[in-house]
Amino acid sequence: MGRGSVQERHVDFSLGLAIARRYYDAAADFLPTDPQELEISFAAVSDRIAFAASNLIFSTELYIRNAAIDRKNAPSHHNVWSHYRRIAPDNRSLLQERFNDRIGRRTHPVSLSVVVSHSKKLRDEQVKELASTDPSRSKGEFLNLERILKDTGESYSVWRYLYQSIAAQKDHKIVRLHYVHLFCLCECLDEILAKTYGHATKDFVLSHHPIKRA
């Protein structure tokens, strides 16, 4: 079956939610969900960061898959933006509102630029210099949920195989982890989905039908 293909399956959504929480917890053990001060915005890669990033992004994907319409026919890829677009538009609007409120209460919504290099010992100033040359940084801050999810894209696969991610003709690469933003998104979806699986909610509708607002 080809990449991105769909296949109908039986789905246990409560189990999917429970698994998403486990991946979230694994990531939270290695990265603070709400750093009190801007301690890191650049870093050299480490196994801890790679492990946390892989778990957090996959948790995000699982939460989004559980909220998407036509969930039994979800594509097999890991592009979080593509899965997010499958959530009903009115539901996305509601989720954006809740995300904006939650991220607005964070002291420092950090996006972490991580440098992966063949050099085993990069000095801090080298890491910062390399990360600051990332051309996408000139487009502004990552504050919009759409931009964050587009930038995250299929990076789950990159983080999972980070040890072999540098092309032969390159000496380093830069990957980003919008970890505070993704923690907030997971928390918003967890609240909504937990409520939905417990009983019907008027706010978030897991179906093809749009939300009827008062």
N, C-alpha and C. Protein backbone atom coordinates (compact mmCIF):
# COMPACT_ATOMS: atom_id res chain seq x y z
N MET A 1 0.84 -1.19 0.00
CA MET A 1 0.00 0.00 0.00
C MET A 1 0.88 1.25 0.00
N GLY A 2 0.56 2.24 -0.82
CA GLY A 2 1.42 3.40 -1.01
C GLY A 2 1.40 4.35 0.15
N ARG A 3 2.37 5.26 0.13
CA ARG A 3 2.50 6.26 1.19
C ARG A 3 1.27 7.16 1.20
N GLY A 4 0.76 7.41 2.40
CA GLY A 4 -0.39 8.29 2.54
C GLY A 4 -1.71 7.63 2.17
N SER A 5 -1.70 6.34 1.88
CA SER A 5 -2.91 5.64 1.50
C SER A 5 -3.82 5.50 2.71
N VAL A 6 -5.10 5.24 2.46
CA VAL A 6 -6.06 5.09 3.54
C VAL A 6 -6.63 3.68 3.51
N GLN A 7 -6.97 3.19 4.68
CA GLN A 7 -7.57 1.87 4.79
C GLN A 7 -8.50 1.88 5.98
N GLU A 8 -9.74 1.40 5.80
CA GLU A 8 -10.70 1.40 6.88
C GLU A 8 -10.31 0.37 7.94
N ARG A 9 -10.37 0.78 9.19
CA ARG A 9 -9.99 -0.08 10.30
C ARG A 9 -10.97 0.12 11.45
N HIS A 10 -11.02 -0.86 12.33
CA HIS A 10 -11.74 -0.69 13.58
C HIS A 10 -10.85 0.16 14.50
N VAL A 11 -11.46 1.13 15.18
CA VAL A 11 -10.68 2.06 16.00
C VAL A 11 -11.25 2.12 17.41
N ASP A 12 -10.37 1.98 18.40
CA ASP A 12 -10.71 2.15 19.80
C ASP A 12 -10.22 3.54 20.21
N PHE A 13 -11.11 4.54 20.20
CA PHE A 13 -10.70 5.91 20.41
C PHE A 13 -10.27 6.17 21.85
N SER A 14 -10.89 5.49 22.81
CA SER A 14 -10.48 5.66 24.20
C SER A 14 -9.05 5.16 24.41
N LEU A 15 -8.72 4.04 23.77
CA LEU A 15 -7.35 3.52 23.84
C LEU A 15 -6.39 4.48 23.16
N GLY A 16 -6.80 5.05 22.03
CA GLY A 16 -5.96 6.03 21.33
C GLY A 16 -5.64 7.23 22.21
N LEU A 17 -6.64 7.69 22.97
CA LEU A 17 -6.44 8.81 23.87
C LEU A 17 -5.47 8.43 25.00
N ALA A 18 -5.63 7.22 25.53
CA ALA A 18 -4.75 6.76 26.61
C ALA A 18 -3.31 6.66 26.14
N ILE A 19 -3.11 6.18 24.92
CA ILE A 19 -1.76 6.05 24.37
C ILE A 19 -1.15 7.44 24.14
N ALA A 20 -1.95 8.37 23.62
CA ALA A 20 -1.47 9.74 23.41
C ALA A 20 -0.98 10.34 24.72
N ARG A 21 -1.69 10.06 25.82
CA ARG A 21 -1.28 10.57 27.12
C ARG A 21 0.06 9.98 27.56
N ARG A 22 0.29 8.71 27.27
CA ARG A 22 1.55 8.07 27.65
C ARG A 22 2.74 8.71 26.92
N TYR A 23 2.57 8.98 25.63
CA TYR A 23 3.64 9.63 24.87
C TYR A 23 3.87 11.06 25.38
N TYR A 24 2.77 11.74 25.73
CA TYR A 24 2.90 13.09 26.31
C TYR A 24 3.70 13.03 27.60
N ASP A 25 3.36 12.10 28.48
CA ASP A 25 4.05 11.99 29.76
C ASP A 25 5.53 11.69 29.57
N ALA A 26 5.84 10.84 28.59
CA ALA A 26 7.24 10.50 28.33
C ALA A 26 8.03 11.75 27.91
N ALA A 27 7.41 12.60 27.08
CA ALA A 27 8.08 13.83 26.65
C ALA A 27 8.22 14.81 27.82
N ALA A 28 7.17 14.92 28.64
CA ALA A 28 7.17 15.88 29.74
C ALA A 28 8.22 15.55 30.80
N ASP A 29 8.62 14.29 30.86
CA ASP A 29 9.67 13.91 31.81
C ASP A 29 11.03 14.49 31.43
N PHE A 30 11.18 14.89 30.15
CA PHE A 30 12.48 15.36 29.67
C PHE A 30 12.49 16.85 29.32
N LEU A 31 11.32 17.45 29.11
CA LEU A 31 11.25 18.87 28.78
C LEU A 31 10.21 19.53 29.66
N PRO A 32 10.49 20.72 30.20
CA PRO A 32 9.49 21.40 31.03
C PRO A 32 8.32 21.87 30.19
N THR A 33 7.09 21.63 30.66
CA THR A 33 5.92 22.03 29.89
C THR A 33 5.71 23.54 29.91
N ASP A 34 6.28 24.22 30.91
CA ASP A 34 6.15 25.67 31.00
C ASP A 34 7.40 26.25 31.64
N PRO A 35 8.48 26.43 30.88
CA PRO A 35 9.71 26.96 31.45
C PRO A 35 9.50 28.35 32.03
N GLN A 36 10.02 28.59 33.20
CA GLN A 36 9.81 29.86 33.88
C GLN A 36 10.69 30.97 33.32
N GLU A 37 11.76 30.59 32.66
CA GLU A 37 12.59 31.59 32.01
C GLU A 37 13.16 31.00 30.73
N LEU A 38 13.54 31.88 29.82
CA LEU A 38 13.99 31.43 28.51
C LEU A 38 15.40 30.87 28.62
N GLU A 39 15.49 29.65 29.08
CA GLU A 39 16.80 29.05 29.31
C GLU A 39 17.44 28.54 28.03
N ILE A 40 16.63 28.01 27.12
CA ILE A 40 17.18 27.43 25.90
C ILE A 40 16.35 27.83 24.70
N SER A 41 17.01 28.35 23.69
CA SER A 41 16.38 28.55 22.39
C SER A 41 17.22 27.92 21.29
N PHE A 42 18.47 27.60 21.64
CA PHE A 42 19.37 26.88 20.74
C PHE A 42 20.01 25.74 21.53
N ALA A 43 20.28 24.64 20.87
CA ALA A 43 20.93 23.53 21.57
C ALA A 43 21.60 22.61 20.58
N ALA A 44 22.66 21.96 21.02
CA ALA A 44 23.22 20.86 20.25
C ALA A 44 22.36 19.63 20.53
N VAL A 45 22.27 18.78 19.55
CA VAL A 45 21.38 17.62 19.70
C VAL A 45 21.87 16.71 20.82
N SER A 46 20.93 16.06 21.48
CA SER A 46 21.25 15.06 22.49
C SER A 46 20.21 13.95 22.39
N ASP A 47 20.53 12.80 22.96
CA ASP A 47 19.58 11.71 22.92
C ASP A 47 18.32 12.07 23.70
N ARG A 48 18.45 12.85 24.77
CA ARG A 48 17.29 13.24 25.56
C ARG A 48 16.34 14.11 24.75
N ILE A 49 16.88 15.10 24.02
CA ILE A 49 16.03 15.96 23.20
C ILE A 49 15.37 15.16 22.10
N ALA A 50 16.12 14.29 21.44
CA ALA A 50 15.56 13.49 20.36
C ALA A 50 14.44 12.59 20.87
N PHE A 51 14.64 11.99 22.04
CA PHE A 51 13.63 11.12 22.62
C PHE A 51 12.37 11.91 22.96
N ALA A 52 12.55 13.06 23.62
CA ALA A 52 11.40 13.89 24.01
C ALA A 52 10.65 14.40 22.79
N ALA A 53 11.39 14.86 21.77
CA ALA A 53 10.75 15.39 20.57
C ALA A 53 9.93 14.33 19.86
N SER A 54 10.50 13.14 19.70
CA SER A 54 9.78 12.05 19.03
C SER A 54 8.48 11.74 19.75
N ASN A 55 8.53 11.66 21.07
CA ASN A 55 7.34 11.33 21.85
C ASN A 55 6.31 12.44 21.82
N LEU A 56 6.76 13.69 21.92
CA LEU A 56 5.81 14.81 21.93
C LEU A 56 5.11 14.96 20.59
N ILE A 57 5.85 14.87 19.49
CA ILE A 57 5.24 15.03 18.18
C ILE A 57 4.29 13.87 17.88
N PHE A 58 4.66 12.66 18.28
CA PHE A 58 3.76 11.53 18.05
C PHE A 58 2.51 11.64 18.94
N SER A 59 2.68 12.13 20.15
CA SER A 59 1.51 12.38 21.00
C SER A 59 0.57 13.38 20.33
N THR A 60 1.14 14.46 19.79
CA THR A 60 0.34 15.46 19.08
C THR A 60 -0.42 14.83 17.93
N GLU A 61 0.26 14.00 17.16
CA GLU A 61 -0.39 13.33 16.03
C GLU A 61 -1.56 12.46 16.50
N LEU A 62 -1.36 11.69 17.57
CA LEU A 62 -2.42 10.81 18.06
C LEU A 62 -3.63 11.62 18.55
N TYR A 63 -3.38 12.71 19.26
CA TYR A 63 -4.48 13.55 19.71
C TYR A 63 -5.26 14.10 18.51
N ILE A 64 -4.53 14.59 17.50
CA ILE A 64 -5.19 15.16 16.33
C ILE A 64 -5.96 14.09 15.57
N ARG A 65 -5.38 12.92 15.40
CA ARG A 65 -6.08 11.83 14.71
C ARG A 65 -7.40 11.51 15.41
N ASN A 66 -7.40 11.52 16.73
CA ASN A 66 -8.62 11.21 17.47
C ASN A 66 -9.68 12.29 17.30
N ALA A 67 -9.27 13.50 16.95
CA ALA A 67 -10.22 14.60 16.78
C ALA A 67 -10.67 14.79 15.34
N ALA A 68 -10.05 14.09 14.41
CA ALA A 68 -10.31 14.31 12.98
C ALA A 68 -11.59 13.62 12.53
N ILE A 69 -12.25 14.23 11.56
CA ILE A 69 -13.43 13.61 10.98
C ILE A 69 -13.02 12.40 10.14
N ASP A 70 -13.95 11.49 9.93
CA ASP A 70 -13.71 10.28 9.14
C ASP A 70 -12.49 9.54 9.68
N ARG A 71 -12.48 9.36 11.00
CA ARG A 71 -11.28 8.86 11.67
C ARG A 71 -10.93 7.42 11.29
N LYS A 72 -11.92 6.65 10.84
CA LYS A 72 -11.65 5.26 10.51
C LYS A 72 -10.89 5.11 9.20
N ASN A 73 -10.76 6.20 8.46
CA ASN A 73 -10.05 6.15 7.18
C ASN A 73 -8.87 7.11 7.17
N ALA A 74 -8.19 7.21 8.30
CA ALA A 74 -7.08 8.15 8.41
C ALA A 74 -5.90 7.69 7.56
N PRO A 75 -5.23 8.61 6.87
CA PRO A 75 -4.02 8.27 6.12
C PRO A 75 -2.94 7.72 7.05
N SER A 76 -1.99 7.00 6.47
CA SER A 76 -0.98 6.32 7.28
C SER A 76 0.26 7.18 7.54
N HIS A 77 0.35 8.38 6.95
CA HIS A 77 1.54 9.21 7.12
C HIS A 77 1.55 9.89 8.49
N HIS A 78 2.64 10.63 8.78
CA HIS A 78 2.81 11.28 10.08
C HIS A 78 2.81 12.81 9.99
N ASN A 79 2.24 13.38 8.94
CA ASN A 79 2.24 14.83 8.79
C ASN A 79 1.14 15.44 9.66
N VAL A 80 1.54 16.11 10.75
CA VAL A 80 0.55 16.60 11.70
C VAL A 80 -0.33 17.69 11.10
N TRP A 81 0.22 18.51 10.20
CA TRP A 81 -0.59 19.56 9.57
C TRP A 81 -1.66 18.94 8.68
N SER A 82 -1.31 17.92 7.94
CA SER A 82 -2.27 17.25 7.08
C SER A 82 -3.40 16.62 7.90
N HIS A 83 -3.04 15.99 9.01
CA HIS A 83 -4.07 15.40 9.88
C HIS A 83 -4.94 16.49 10.52
N TYR A 84 -4.32 17.60 10.90
CA TYR A 84 -5.06 18.70 11.51
C TYR A 84 -6.11 19.25 10.56
N ARG A 85 -5.80 19.31 9.30
CA ARG A 85 -6.73 19.84 8.30
C ARG A 85 -7.96 18.96 8.15
N ARG A 86 -7.90 17.74 8.63
CA ARG A 86 -9.04 16.83 8.56
C ARG A 86 -10.03 17.06 9.69
N ILE A 87 -9.66 17.87 10.67
CA ILE A 87 -10.61 18.26 11.72
C ILE A 87 -11.61 19.25 11.11
N ALA A 88 -12.88 19.12 11.46
CA ALA A 88 -13.91 20.00 10.92
C ALA A 88 -13.56 21.46 11.17
N PRO A 89 -13.80 22.35 10.20
CA PRO A 89 -13.40 23.76 10.32
C PRO A 89 -13.90 24.44 11.59
N ASP A 90 -15.16 24.25 11.96
CA ASP A 90 -15.66 24.88 13.18
C ASP A 90 -14.94 24.35 14.41
N ASN A 91 -14.60 23.08 14.40
CA ASN A 91 -13.86 22.50 15.51
C ASN A 91 -12.44 23.06 15.57
N ARG A 92 -11.82 23.28 14.40
CA ARG A 92 -10.49 23.89 14.38
C ARG A 92 -10.54 25.30 14.96
N SER A 93 -11.60 26.04 14.64
CA SER A 93 -11.73 27.40 15.16
C SER A 93 -11.83 27.38 16.68
N LEU A 94 -12.63 26.46 17.20
CA LEU A 94 -12.76 26.34 18.65
C LEU A 94 -11.44 25.95 19.29
N LEU A 95 -10.75 25.00 18.67
CA LEU A 95 -9.46 24.57 19.20
C LEU A 95 -8.44 25.70 19.17
N GLN A 96 -8.45 26.51 18.11
CA GLN A 96 -7.54 27.65 18.02
C GLN A 96 -7.81 28.63 19.16
N GLU A 97 -9.09 28.87 19.47
CA GLU A 97 -9.44 29.77 20.57
C GLU A 97 -8.87 29.26 21.89
N ARG A 98 -9.05 27.98 22.14
CA ARG A 98 -8.58 27.41 23.41
C ARG A 98 -7.05 27.38 23.45
N PHE A 99 -6.44 27.10 22.31
CA PHE A 99 -4.98 27.10 22.24
C PHE A 99 -4.44 28.50 22.52
N ASN A 100 -5.04 29.52 21.89
CA ASN A 100 -4.59 30.89 22.10
C ASN A 100 -4.66 31.29 23.57
N ASP A 101 -5.74 30.87 24.23
CA ASP A 101 -5.90 31.19 25.64
C ASP A 101 -4.83 30.49 26.48
N ARG A 102 -4.58 29.23 26.18
CA ARG A 102 -3.61 28.47 26.98
C ARG A 102 -2.18 28.94 26.73
N ILE A 103 -1.81 29.14 25.47
CA ILE A 103 -0.45 29.55 25.17
C ILE A 103 -0.21 30.97 25.69
N GLY A 104 -1.27 31.78 25.75
CA GLY A 104 -1.14 33.14 26.27
C GLY A 104 -0.82 33.18 27.75
N ARG A 105 -1.10 32.08 28.45
CA ARG A 105 -0.81 32.01 29.88
C ARG A 105 0.57 31.42 30.16
N ARG A 106 1.28 31.02 29.12
CA ARG A 106 2.63 30.50 29.30
C ARG A 106 3.62 31.65 29.44
N THR A 107 4.56 31.49 30.33
CA THR A 107 5.54 32.55 30.58
C THR A 107 6.44 32.75 29.36
N HIS A 108 6.94 31.64 28.80
CA HIS A 108 7.84 31.70 27.65
C HIS A 108 7.48 30.57 26.67
N PRO A 109 6.70 30.89 25.63
CA PRO A 109 6.38 29.86 24.63
C PRO A 109 7.58 29.59 23.72
N VAL A 110 8.44 28.70 24.15
CA VAL A 110 9.74 28.50 23.52
C VAL A 110 9.64 27.59 22.30
N SER A 111 10.34 27.97 21.22
CA SER A 111 10.62 27.07 20.12
C SER A 111 12.12 26.80 20.16
N LEU A 112 12.48 25.55 20.16
CA LEU A 112 13.88 25.15 20.32
C LEU A 112 14.49 24.79 18.97
N SER A 113 15.55 25.49 18.58
CA SER A 113 16.30 25.16 17.37
C SER A 113 17.45 24.25 17.76
N VAL A 114 17.49 23.06 17.18
CA VAL A 114 18.49 22.07 17.54
C VAL A 114 19.43 21.85 16.36
N VAL A 115 20.73 21.93 16.63
CA VAL A 115 21.73 21.72 15.60
C VAL A 115 22.24 20.28 15.67
N VAL A 116 22.12 19.57 14.56
CA VAL A 116 22.67 18.23 14.43
C VAL A 116 23.92 18.35 13.58
N SER A 117 25.05 17.90 14.09
CA SER A 117 26.31 18.09 13.38
C SER A 117 27.19 16.85 13.48
N HIS A 118 28.08 16.68 12.48
CA HIS A 118 29.07 15.61 12.53
C HIS A 118 30.11 15.89 13.61
N SER A 119 30.27 17.18 13.94
CA SER A 119 31.22 17.54 14.98
C SER A 119 30.69 17.08 16.33
N LYS A 120 31.47 16.34 17.06
CA LYS A 120 31.02 15.76 18.32
C LYS A 120 30.95 16.79 19.44
N LYS A 121 31.75 17.86 19.34
CA LYS A 121 31.79 18.84 20.42
C LYS A 121 31.65 20.25 19.85
N LEU A 122 30.40 20.72 19.78
CA LEU A 122 30.16 22.08 19.34
C LEU A 122 30.13 23.00 20.56
N ARG A 123 30.84 24.13 20.46
CA ARG A 123 30.78 25.12 21.53
C ARG A 123 29.43 25.84 21.47
N ASP A 124 28.99 26.38 22.60
CA ASP A 124 27.68 27.04 22.68
C ASP A 124 27.54 28.14 21.64
N GLU A 125 28.60 28.92 21.46
CA GLU A 125 28.52 30.03 20.50
C GLU A 125 28.40 29.52 19.07
N GLN A 126 29.01 28.35 18.77
CA GLN A 126 28.86 27.76 17.44
C GLN A 126 27.43 27.30 17.20
N VAL A 127 26.85 26.70 18.21
CA VAL A 127 25.46 26.25 18.10
C VAL A 127 24.54 27.43 17.83
N LYS A 128 24.70 28.49 18.59
CA LYS A 128 23.85 29.66 18.43
C LYS A 128 24.02 30.30 17.07
N GLU A 129 25.27 30.38 16.60
CA GLU A 129 25.54 30.98 15.29
C GLU A 129 24.93 30.15 14.18
N LEU A 130 25.08 28.84 14.24
CA LEU A 130 24.51 27.97 13.21
C LEU A 130 22.99 28.05 13.20
N ALA A 131 22.38 27.98 14.38
CA ALA A 131 20.92 28.01 14.47
C ALA A 131 20.35 29.34 14.00
N SER A 132 21.06 30.44 14.27
CA SER A 132 20.56 31.76 13.90
C SER A 132 20.62 32.00 12.39
N THR A 133 21.33 31.16 11.66
CA THR A 133 21.38 31.32 10.20
C THR A 133 20.25 30.60 9.50
N ASP A 134 19.40 29.94 10.25
CA ASP A 134 18.25 29.24 9.67
C ASP A 134 17.39 30.24 8.92
N PRO A 135 17.21 30.13 7.59
CA PRO A 135 16.50 31.14 6.81
C PRO A 135 15.04 31.32 7.22
N SER A 136 14.40 30.28 7.76
CA SER A 136 12.98 30.40 8.12
C SER A 136 12.77 31.36 9.29
N ARG A 137 13.82 31.65 10.07
CA ARG A 137 13.67 32.53 11.23
C ARG A 137 13.37 33.96 10.80
N SER A 138 13.73 34.31 9.58
CA SER A 138 13.48 35.67 9.10
C SER A 138 12.00 35.92 8.84
N LYS A 139 11.19 34.87 8.84
CA LYS A 139 9.76 35.03 8.56
C LYS A 139 8.95 35.39 9.79
N GLY A 140 9.60 35.55 10.92
CA GLY A 140 8.90 35.96 12.13
C GLY A 140 8.77 34.84 13.14
N GLU A 141 8.11 35.16 14.24
CA GLU A 141 7.97 34.21 15.34
C GLU A 141 6.94 33.14 15.02
N PHE A 142 7.09 32.01 15.68
CA PHE A 142 6.15 30.92 15.52
C PHE A 142 5.06 31.07 16.59
N LEU A 143 4.06 31.88 16.30
CA LEU A 143 2.99 32.13 17.25
C LEU A 143 1.65 31.58 16.77
N ASN A 144 1.51 31.41 15.47
CA ASN A 144 0.26 30.94 14.90
C ASN A 144 0.23 29.42 14.85
N LEU A 145 -0.86 28.82 15.28
CA LEU A 145 -0.97 27.36 15.33
C LEU A 145 -0.77 26.74 13.95
N GLU A 146 -1.31 27.37 12.91
CA GLU A 146 -1.14 26.84 11.56
C GLU A 146 0.33 26.78 11.18
N ARG A 147 1.06 27.84 11.44
CA ARG A 147 2.48 27.86 11.08
C ARG A 147 3.27 26.83 11.88
N ILE A 148 2.92 26.68 13.15
CA ILE A 148 3.62 25.71 14.00
C ILE A 148 3.42 24.30 13.48
N LEU A 149 2.18 23.95 13.11
CA LEU A 149 1.90 22.60 12.64
C LEU A 149 2.47 22.37 11.24
N LYS A 150 2.46 23.39 10.41
CA LYS A 150 3.10 23.25 9.09
C LYS A 150 4.60 23.03 9.24
N ASP A 151 5.20 23.78 10.15
CA ASP A 151 6.64 23.65 10.36
C ASP A 151 6.99 22.30 10.98
N THR A 152 6.13 21.82 11.87
CA THR A 152 6.35 20.51 12.48
C THR A 152 6.18 19.41 11.43
N GLY A 153 5.13 19.52 10.62
CA GLY A 153 4.93 18.64 9.47
C GLY A 153 5.20 17.18 9.75
N GLU A 154 6.13 16.61 9.02
CA GLU A 154 6.51 15.20 9.17
C GLU A 154 7.80 15.04 9.96
N SER A 155 8.09 15.99 10.83
CA SER A 155 9.37 15.96 11.55
C SER A 155 9.45 14.81 12.56
N TYR A 156 8.33 14.15 12.83
CA TYR A 156 8.40 12.96 13.69
C TYR A 156 9.40 11.97 13.13
N SER A 157 9.35 11.76 11.83
CA SER A 157 10.28 10.81 11.20
C SER A 157 11.71 11.31 11.26
N VAL A 158 11.90 12.64 11.16
CA VAL A 158 13.24 13.21 11.25
C VAL A 158 13.82 12.98 12.65
N TRP A 159 13.03 13.30 13.67
CA TRP A 159 13.51 13.15 15.04
C TRP A 159 13.75 11.68 15.38
N ARG A 160 12.90 10.82 14.89
CA ARG A 160 13.03 9.40 15.22
C ARG A 160 14.31 8.82 14.65
N TYR A 161 14.71 9.30 13.47
CA TYR A 161 15.92 8.80 12.82
C TYR A 161 16.99 9.89 12.75
N LEU A 162 17.08 10.68 13.80
CA LEU A 162 17.97 11.84 13.78
C LEU A 162 19.43 11.44 13.61
N TYR A 163 19.80 10.29 14.10
CA TYR A 163 21.19 9.83 14.04
C TYR A 163 21.67 9.60 12.61
N GLN A 164 20.73 9.50 11.65
CA GLN A 164 21.13 9.29 10.26
C GLN A 164 20.46 10.31 9.33
N SER A 165 20.24 11.51 9.87
CA SER A 165 19.43 12.49 9.13
C SER A 165 20.23 13.48 8.30
N ILE A 166 21.55 13.53 8.45
CA ILE A 166 22.34 14.52 7.72
C ILE A 166 22.76 13.94 6.37
N ALA A 167 22.46 14.67 5.31
CA ALA A 167 22.85 14.24 3.97
C ALA A 167 24.37 14.18 3.87
N ALA A 168 24.87 13.30 3.01
CA ALA A 168 26.31 13.06 2.91
C ALA A 168 27.09 14.32 2.57
N GLN A 169 26.49 15.24 1.77
CA GLN A 169 27.21 16.43 1.35
C GLN A 169 27.11 17.59 2.35
N LYS A 170 26.43 17.37 3.48
CA LYS A 170 26.27 18.42 4.49
C LYS A 170 27.09 18.09 5.74
N ASP A 171 27.38 19.14 6.53
CA ASP A 171 28.09 18.89 7.79
C ASP A 171 27.21 19.13 9.01
N HIS A 172 26.01 19.73 8.79
CA HIS A 172 25.08 19.89 9.88
C HIS A 172 23.68 20.15 9.33
N LYS A 173 22.71 20.06 10.19
CA LYS A 173 21.35 20.45 9.83
C LYS A 173 20.68 21.02 11.07
N ILE A 174 19.57 21.75 10.85
CA ILE A 174 18.84 22.38 11.94
C ILE A 174 17.41 21.85 11.94
N VAL A 175 16.97 21.42 13.09
CA VAL A 175 15.58 20.99 13.25
C VAL A 175 14.98 21.76 14.42
N ARG A 176 13.68 21.99 14.34
CA ARG A 176 13.01 22.76 15.39
C ARG A 176 12.00 21.90 16.13
N LEU A 177 11.83 22.26 17.38
CA LEU A 177 10.81 21.63 18.21
C LEU A 177 10.03 22.73 18.91
N HIS A 178 8.78 22.92 18.53
CA HIS A 178 7.93 23.93 19.17
C HIS A 178 7.28 23.30 20.40
N TYR A 179 8.12 23.02 21.38
CA TYR A 179 7.65 22.10 22.42
C TYR A 179 6.62 22.68 23.36
N VAL A 180 6.72 23.95 23.73
CA VAL A 180 5.69 24.52 24.60
C VAL A 180 4.36 24.62 23.86
N HIS A 181 4.40 25.00 22.59
CA HIS A 181 3.19 25.09 21.78
C HIS A 181 2.52 23.72 21.64
N LEU A 182 3.32 22.69 21.38
CA LEU A 182 2.75 21.35 21.21
C LEU A 182 2.23 20.81 22.52
N PHE A 183 2.91 21.10 23.63
CA PHE A 183 2.36 20.71 24.93
C PHE A 183 0.98 21.34 25.13
N CYS A 184 0.85 22.63 24.82
CA CYS A 184 -0.44 23.32 24.97
C CYS A 184 -1.51 22.71 24.08
N LEU A 185 -1.17 22.41 22.85
CA LEU A 185 -2.14 21.82 21.92
C LEU A 185 -2.60 20.46 22.43
N CYS A 186 -1.67 19.64 22.89
CA CYS A 186 -2.03 18.32 23.44
C CYS A 186 -2.96 18.47 24.64
N GLU A 187 -2.67 19.43 25.50
CA GLU A 187 -3.49 19.63 26.70
C GLU A 187 -4.91 20.07 26.33
N CYS A 188 -5.02 20.96 25.34
CA CYS A 188 -6.35 21.39 24.88
C CYS A 188 -7.14 20.22 24.31
N LEU A 189 -6.50 19.43 23.46
CA LEU A 189 -7.18 18.30 22.85
C LEU A 189 -7.53 17.24 23.89
N ASP A 190 -6.66 17.05 24.88
CA ASP A 190 -6.95 16.07 25.92
C ASP A 190 -8.21 16.45 26.68
N GLU A 191 -8.35 17.72 27.03
CA GLU A 191 -9.53 18.18 27.75
C GLU A 191 -10.79 17.97 26.92
N ILE A 192 -10.71 18.32 25.66
CA ILE A 192 -11.87 18.21 24.77
C ILE A 192 -12.25 16.75 24.54
N LEU A 193 -11.26 15.93 24.24
CA LEU A 193 -11.54 14.53 23.90
C LEU A 193 -11.98 13.73 25.12
N ALA A 194 -11.40 14.02 26.28
CA ALA A 194 -11.81 13.32 27.49
C ALA A 194 -13.27 13.61 27.79
N LYS A 195 -13.68 14.83 27.58
CA LYS A 195 -15.07 15.23 27.78
C LYS A 195 -15.97 14.55 26.75
N THR A 196 -15.50 14.49 25.54
CA THR A 196 -16.29 13.91 24.46
C THR A 196 -16.50 12.42 24.66
N TYR A 197 -15.47 11.72 25.08
CA TYR A 197 -15.61 10.27 25.25
C TYR A 197 -16.41 9.94 26.50
N GLY A 198 -16.50 10.89 27.45
CA GLY A 198 -17.30 10.64 28.64
C GLY A 198 -18.79 10.84 28.37
N HIS A 199 -19.10 11.91 27.63
CA HIS A 199 -20.48 12.19 27.27
C HIS A 199 -20.47 13.21 26.15
N ALA A 200 -21.61 13.41 25.53
CA ALA A 200 -21.71 14.34 24.40
C ALA A 200 -21.40 15.76 24.87
N THR A 201 -20.69 16.48 24.06
CA THR A 201 -20.39 17.87 24.39
C THR A 201 -20.93 18.79 23.30
N LYS A 202 -21.41 19.96 23.68
CA LYS A 202 -21.96 20.90 22.70
C LYS A 202 -20.85 21.69 22.03
N ASP A 203 -19.63 21.61 22.59
CA ASP A 203 -18.54 22.43 22.07
C ASP A 203 -17.84 21.79 20.88
N PHE A 204 -17.50 20.53 21.01
CA PHE A 204 -16.63 19.89 20.03
C PHE A 204 -17.34 18.64 19.51
N VAL A 205 -17.54 18.55 18.22
CA VAL A 205 -18.33 17.48 17.63
C VAL A 205 -17.43 16.59 16.79
N LEU A 206 -17.24 15.35 17.20
CA LEU A 206 -16.38 14.42 16.46
C LEU A 206 -17.20 13.72 15.39
N SER A 207 -17.56 14.46 14.37
CA SER A 207 -18.35 13.91 13.26
C SER A 207 -18.23 14.85 12.09
N HIS A 208 -18.93 14.53 11.01
CA HIS A 208 -18.90 15.39 9.84
C HIS A 208 -19.77 16.63 10.04
N HIS A 209 -20.58 16.65 11.09
CA HIS A 209 -21.52 17.74 11.27
C HIS A 209 -20.84 18.93 11.95
N PRO A 210 -21.06 20.14 11.44
CA PRO A 210 -20.44 21.31 12.05
C PRO A 210 -21.07 21.63 13.41
N ILE A 211 -20.34 22.40 14.19
CA ILE A 211 -20.83 22.83 15.49
C ILE A 211 -21.95 23.86 15.29
N LYS A 212 -22.99 23.71 16.06
CA LYS A 212 -24.07 24.72 16.04
C LYS A 212 -23.86 25.64 17.22
N ARG A 213 -23.43 26.84 16.93
CA ARG A 213 -23.19 27.80 18.00
C ARG A 213 -24.47 28.55 18.36
N ALA A 214 -24.58 28.88 19.62
CA ALA A 214 -25.79 29.60 20.09
C ALA A 214 -25.80 31.02 19.52
